[in-house]
Amino acid sequence: MTGEYQHTLDAKGRLFIPSKLREKLGNIFYVTISIDDCLSAYSLEHWNVIKAKFDALPSSQSRRMRQLFVNAACCELDGQGRILLPQKLRDYVGLKKNVTIVGVSNHAEIWDSEKWGAQQAEELTKENIAAAIEELGF
C-alpha cells in the first residue's frame, strides 16, 4: 500500500477509506494499535498471517503481543466506503476530526493529521531518505 490521504471523522466516528486502499484492504479488515502514535489496518489475509504467528508462540512470548488482539477491531466497509472506528481506538491515538491515512507496504496507518504532520517534519529529511534507500539495497 502506498500514498497519503486526508479525510475527516464524522460525528459517529466513521472514517472514509480511500478506494486505492480499499482495493488492498478488502471489505473486511482489522484495525489495531501500533508502535507509533497511530492505528494500523491489515487486510484479512495479512491479519491471518499475524494471527498464525501469534498462535505459534509459547504463552510466555504471546502475552506481550496480547494487546494487539485485545485492542483490535474487525471493520467492515459500509456502502459509502467508510468504517466505524471504535471510540477506544480513537481515544488511544487521539483521533478527533482531521485524519491522515497512509499506505505503508503491507498495511495502512491511521493518524491524527496534526501528529502526522509533526512526524513528517521530523523524519522527512534527505538523510533519512538516503539511509532508507541504502538499507533496502538500492
C-alpha atoms as a PDB file:
ATOM      1  CA  MET A   1       0.000   0.000   0.000  1.00  0.00           C
ATOM      2  CA  THR A   2       1.183   3.481  -0.768  1.00  0.00           C
ATOM      3  CA  GLY A   3       0.027   7.066  -0.660  1.00  0.00           C
ATOM      4  CA  GLU A   4      -1.193   9.697   1.765  1.00  0.00           C
ATOM      5  CA  TYR A   5      -4.860  10.655   2.073  1.00  0.00           C
ATOM      6  CA  GLN A   6      -6.594  13.376   4.087  1.00  0.00           C
ATOM      7  CA  HIS A   7     -10.067  12.716   5.492  1.00  0.00           C
ATOM      8  CA  THR A   8     -12.252  13.609   8.451  1.00  0.00           C
ATOM      9  CA  LEU A   9     -14.036  11.555  11.062  1.00  0.00           C
ATOM     10  CA  ASP A  10     -17.757  12.180  11.144  1.00  0.00           C
ATOM     11  CA  ALA A  11     -19.701  12.730  14.371  1.00  0.00           C
ATOM     12  CA  LYS A  12     -20.316   8.973  14.717  1.00  0.00           C
ATOM     13  CA  GLY A  13     -16.621   8.053  14.384  1.00  0.00           C
ATOM     14  CA  ARG A  14     -16.869   6.837  10.803  1.00  0.00           C
ATOM     15  CA  LEU A  15     -13.883   7.227   8.505  1.00  0.00           C
ATOM     16  CA  PHE A  16     -13.857   7.097   4.708  1.00  0.00           C
ATOM     17  CA  ILE A  17     -11.216   4.708   3.369  1.00  0.00           C
ATOM     18  CA  PRO A  18      -9.717   5.774   0.018  1.00  0.00           C
ATOM     19  CA  SER A  19     -10.568   3.473  -2.896  1.00  0.00           C
ATOM     20  CA  LYS A  20      -6.898   2.625  -3.594  1.00  0.00           C
ATOM     21  CA  LEU A  21      -6.528   1.344  -0.043  1.00  0.00           C
ATOM     22  CA  ARG A  22      -9.925  -0.388  -0.063  1.00  0.00           C
ATOM     23  CA  GLU A  23      -8.695  -2.445  -3.019  1.00  0.00           C
ATOM     24  CA  LYS A  24      -5.801  -3.751  -0.901  1.00  0.00           C
ATOM     25  CA  LEU A  25      -7.550  -3.995   2.471  1.00  0.00           C
ATOM     26  CA  GLY A  26     -10.757  -5.616   1.233  1.00  0.00           C
ATOM     27  CA  ASN A  27     -14.296  -5.100   2.536  1.00  0.00           C
ATOM     28  CA  ILE A  28     -13.465  -6.561   5.943  1.00  0.00           C
ATOM     29  CA  PHE A  29     -10.164  -5.807   7.654  1.00  0.00           C
ATOM     30  CA  TYR A  30      -8.632  -5.346  11.097  1.00  0.00           C
ATOM     31  CA  VAL A  31      -7.558  -2.132  12.787  1.00  0.00           C
ATOM     32  CA  THR A  32      -5.359  -2.223  15.880  1.00  0.00           C
ATOM     33  CA  ILE A  33      -2.883  -0.170  17.876  1.00  0.00           C
ATOM     34  CA  SER A  34       0.617   0.409  16.564  1.00  0.00           C
ATOM     35  CA  ILE A  35       4.073   1.086  17.949  1.00  0.00           C
ATOM     36  CA  ASP A  36       3.748   4.660  16.698  1.00  0.00           C
ATOM     37  CA  ASP A  37       1.037   7.048  17.801  1.00  0.00           C
ATOM     38  CA  CYS A  38      -1.354   5.750  15.134  1.00  0.00           C
ATOM     39  CA  LEU A  39      -3.591   2.820  14.271  1.00  0.00           C
ATOM     40  CA  SER A  40      -2.644   0.098  11.790  1.00  0.00           C
ATOM     41  CA  ALA A  41      -5.081  -1.507   9.349  1.00  0.00           C
ATOM     42  CA  TYR A  42      -4.428  -5.014   7.983  1.00  0.00           C
ATOM     43  CA  SER A  43      -6.253  -6.956   5.301  1.00  0.00           C
ATOM     44  CA  LEU A  44      -7.982 -10.113   6.467  1.00  0.00           C
ATOM     45  CA  GLU A  45      -5.300 -12.136   4.669  1.00  0.00           C
ATOM     46  CA  HIS A  46      -2.427 -10.339   6.399  1.00  0.00           C
ATOM     47  CA  TRP A  47      -4.227 -10.417   9.757  1.00  0.00           C
ATOM     48  CA  ASN A  48      -4.475 -14.209   9.460  1.00  0.00           C
ATOM     49  CA  VAL A  49      -0.683 -14.346   8.916  1.00  0.00           C
ATOM     50  CA  ILE A  50      -0.166 -12.270  12.076  1.00  0.00           C
ATOM     51  CA  LYS A  51      -2.633 -14.487  13.951  1.00  0.00           C
ATOM     52  CA  ALA A  52      -0.862 -17.675  12.820  1.00  0.00           C
ATOM     53  CA  LYS A  53       2.486 -16.315  14.023  1.00  0.00           C
ATOM     54  CA  PHE A  54       0.896 -15.370  17.343  1.00  0.00           C
ATOM     55  CA  ASP A  55      -0.734 -18.794  17.721  1.00  0.00           C
ATOM     56  CA  ALA A  56       2.644 -20.492  17.196  1.00  0.00           C
ATOM     57  CA  LEU A  57       4.327 -18.587  20.039  1.00  0.00           C
ATOM     58  CA  PRO A  58       4.802 -20.038  23.502  1.00  0.00           C
ATOM     59  CA  SER A  59       2.471 -18.381  26.014  1.00  0.00           C
ATOM     60  CA  SER A  60       5.392 -16.593  27.695  1.00  0.00           C
ATOM     61  CA  GLN A  61       6.007 -14.649  24.480  1.00  0.00           C
ATOM     62  CA  SER A  62       2.416 -14.303  23.353  1.00  0.00           C
ATOM     63  CA  ARG A  63       1.497 -12.336  26.490  1.00  0.00           C
ATOM     64  CA  ARG A  64       3.481  -9.365  25.232  1.00  0.00           C
ATOM     65  CA  MET A  65       1.513  -9.383  21.973  1.00  0.00           C
ATOM     66  CA  ARG A  66      -1.867  -9.750  23.655  1.00  0.00           C
ATOM     67  CA  GLN A  67      -2.601  -6.027  23.379  1.00  0.00           C
ATOM     68  CA  LEU A  68      -2.565  -6.185  19.565  1.00  0.00           C
ATOM     69  CA  PHE A  69      -5.561  -8.509  19.711  1.00  0.00           C
ATOM     70  CA  VAL A  70      -7.317  -7.028  22.729  1.00  0.00           C
ATOM     71  CA  ASN A  71      -7.273  -3.640  21.021  1.00  0.00           C
ATOM     72  CA  ALA A  72      -8.176  -4.828  17.524  1.00  0.00           C
ATOM     73  CA  ALA A  73     -11.430  -4.156  15.748  1.00  0.00           C
ATOM     74  CA  CYS A  74     -12.820  -6.067  12.799  1.00  0.00           C
ATOM     75  CA  CYS A  75     -14.017  -3.304  10.487  1.00  0.00           C
ATOM     76  CA  GLU A  76     -16.419  -3.697   7.605  1.00  0.00           C
ATOM     77  CA  LEU A  77     -16.860  -1.090   4.905  1.00  0.00           C
ATOM     78  CA  ASP A  78     -20.333   0.369   4.613  1.00  0.00           C
ATOM     79  CA  GLY A  79     -21.945   1.220   1.286  1.00  0.00           C
ATOM     80  CA  GLN A  80     -20.136   4.573   1.216  1.00  0.00           C
ATOM     81  CA  GLY A  81     -16.648   3.156   1.799  1.00  0.00           C
ATOM     82  CA  ARG A  82     -16.496   4.058   5.494  1.00  0.00           C
ATOM     83  CA  ILE A  83     -15.598   2.128   8.623  1.00  0.00           C
ATOM     84  CA  LEU A  84     -16.648   2.780  12.188  1.00  0.00           C
ATOM     85  CA  LEU A  85     -13.582   3.243  14.376  1.00  0.00           C
ATOM     86  CA  PRO A  86     -14.338   2.249  17.971  1.00  0.00           C
ATOM     87  CA  GLN A  87     -14.115   5.084  20.495  1.00  0.00           C
ATOM     88  CA  LYS A  88     -11.452   3.184  22.452  1.00  0.00           C
ATOM     89  CA  LEU A  89      -9.112   3.159  19.447  1.00  0.00           C
ATOM     90  CA  ARG A  90      -9.841   6.798  18.579  1.00  0.00           C
ATOM     91  CA  ASP A  91      -9.053   7.823  22.147  1.00  0.00           C
ATOM     92  CA  TYR A  92      -5.872   5.741  22.274  1.00  0.00           C
ATOM     93  CA  VAL A  93      -4.236   7.723  19.447  1.00  0.00           C
ATOM     94  CA  GLY A  94      -6.124  10.994  19.893  1.00  0.00           C
ATOM     95  CA  LEU A  95      -8.202  10.964  16.707  1.00  0.00           C
ATOM     96  CA  LYS A  96     -10.627  13.865  16.797  1.00  0.00           C
ATOM     97  CA  LYS A  97     -11.569  15.194  13.368  1.00  0.00           C
ATOM     98  CA  ASN A  98      -8.778  15.514  10.787  1.00  0.00           C
ATOM     99  CA  VAL A  99      -7.219  12.192   9.874  1.00  0.00           C
ATOM    100  CA  THR A 100      -4.369  11.205   7.575  1.00  0.00           C
ATOM    101  CA  ILE A 101      -4.317   7.674   6.197  1.00  0.00           C
ATOM    102  CA  VAL A 102      -1.011   6.449   4.775  1.00  0.00           C
ATOM    103  CA  GLY A 103      -0.138   3.272   2.918  1.00  0.00           C
ATOM    104  CA  VAL A 104       2.923   1.540   4.349  1.00  0.00           C
ATOM    105  CA  SER A 105       3.812  -1.602   2.383  1.00  0.00           C
ATOM    106  CA  ASN A 106       1.547  -4.364   3.744  1.00  0.00           C
ATOM    107  CA  HIS A 107      -0.745  -2.181   5.879  1.00  0.00           C
ATOM    108  CA  ALA A 108      -2.256   1.275   6.228  1.00  0.00           C
ATOM    109  CA  GLU A 109      -1.756   3.647   9.132  1.00  0.00           C
ATOM    110  CA  ILE A 110      -4.414   5.984  10.503  1.00  0.00           C
ATOM    111  CA  TRP A 111      -3.005   9.153  12.066  1.00  0.00           C
ATOM    112  CA  ASP A 112      -4.325  12.306  13.649  1.00  0.00           C
ATOM    113  CA  SER A 113      -3.355  14.796  10.910  1.00  0.00           C
ATOM    114  CA  GLU A 114      -1.526  17.123  13.297  1.00  0.00           C
ATOM    115  CA  LYS A 115       0.561  14.245  14.698  1.00  0.00           C
ATOM    116  CA  TRP A 116       1.275  13.011  11.165  1.00  0.00           C
ATOM    117  CA  GLY A 117       2.475  16.488  10.207  1.00  0.00           C
ATOM    118  CA  ALA A 118       4.845  16.570  13.169  1.00  0.00           C
ATOM    119  CA  GLN A 119       6.088  13.068  12.312  1.00  0.00           C
ATOM    120  CA  GLN A 120       6.753  14.102   8.730  1.00  0.00           C
ATOM    121  CA  ALA A 121       8.516  17.309   9.780  1.00  0.00           C
ATOM    122  CA  GLU A 122      10.849  15.240  11.955  1.00  0.00           C
ATOM    123  CA  GLU A 123      11.502  12.285   9.660  1.00  0.00           C
ATOM    124  CA  LEU A 124      11.205  13.575   6.097  1.00  0.00           C
ATOM    125  CA  THR A 125      14.827  14.560   5.594  1.00  0.00           C
ATOM    126  CA  LYS A 126      17.259  13.830   2.790  1.00  0.00           C
ATOM    127  CA  GLU A 127      19.464  11.973   5.258  1.00  0.00           C
ATOM    128  CA  ASN A 128      16.631   9.672   6.355  1.00  0.00           C
ATOM    129  CA  ILE A 129      15.578   9.013   2.761  1.00  0.00           C
ATOM    130  CA  ALA A 130      19.161   8.191   1.795  1.00  0.00           C
ATOM    131  CA  ALA A 131      19.503   5.848   4.769  1.00  0.00           C
ATOM    132  CA  ALA A 132      16.238   4.065   3.895  1.00  0.00           C
ATOM    133  CA  ILE A 133      17.273   3.617   0.273  1.00  0.00           C
ATOM    134  CA  GLU A 134      20.646   2.261   1.373  1.00  0.00           C
ATOM    135  CA  GLU A 135      19.025  -0.181   3.837  1.00  0.00           C
ATOM    136  CA  LEU A 136      16.842  -1.508   1.020  1.00  0.00           C
ATOM    137  CA  GLY A 137      19.918  -2.061  -1.113  1.00  0.00           C
ATOM    138  CA  PHE A 138      19.229   0.437  -3.909  1.00  0.00           C
END
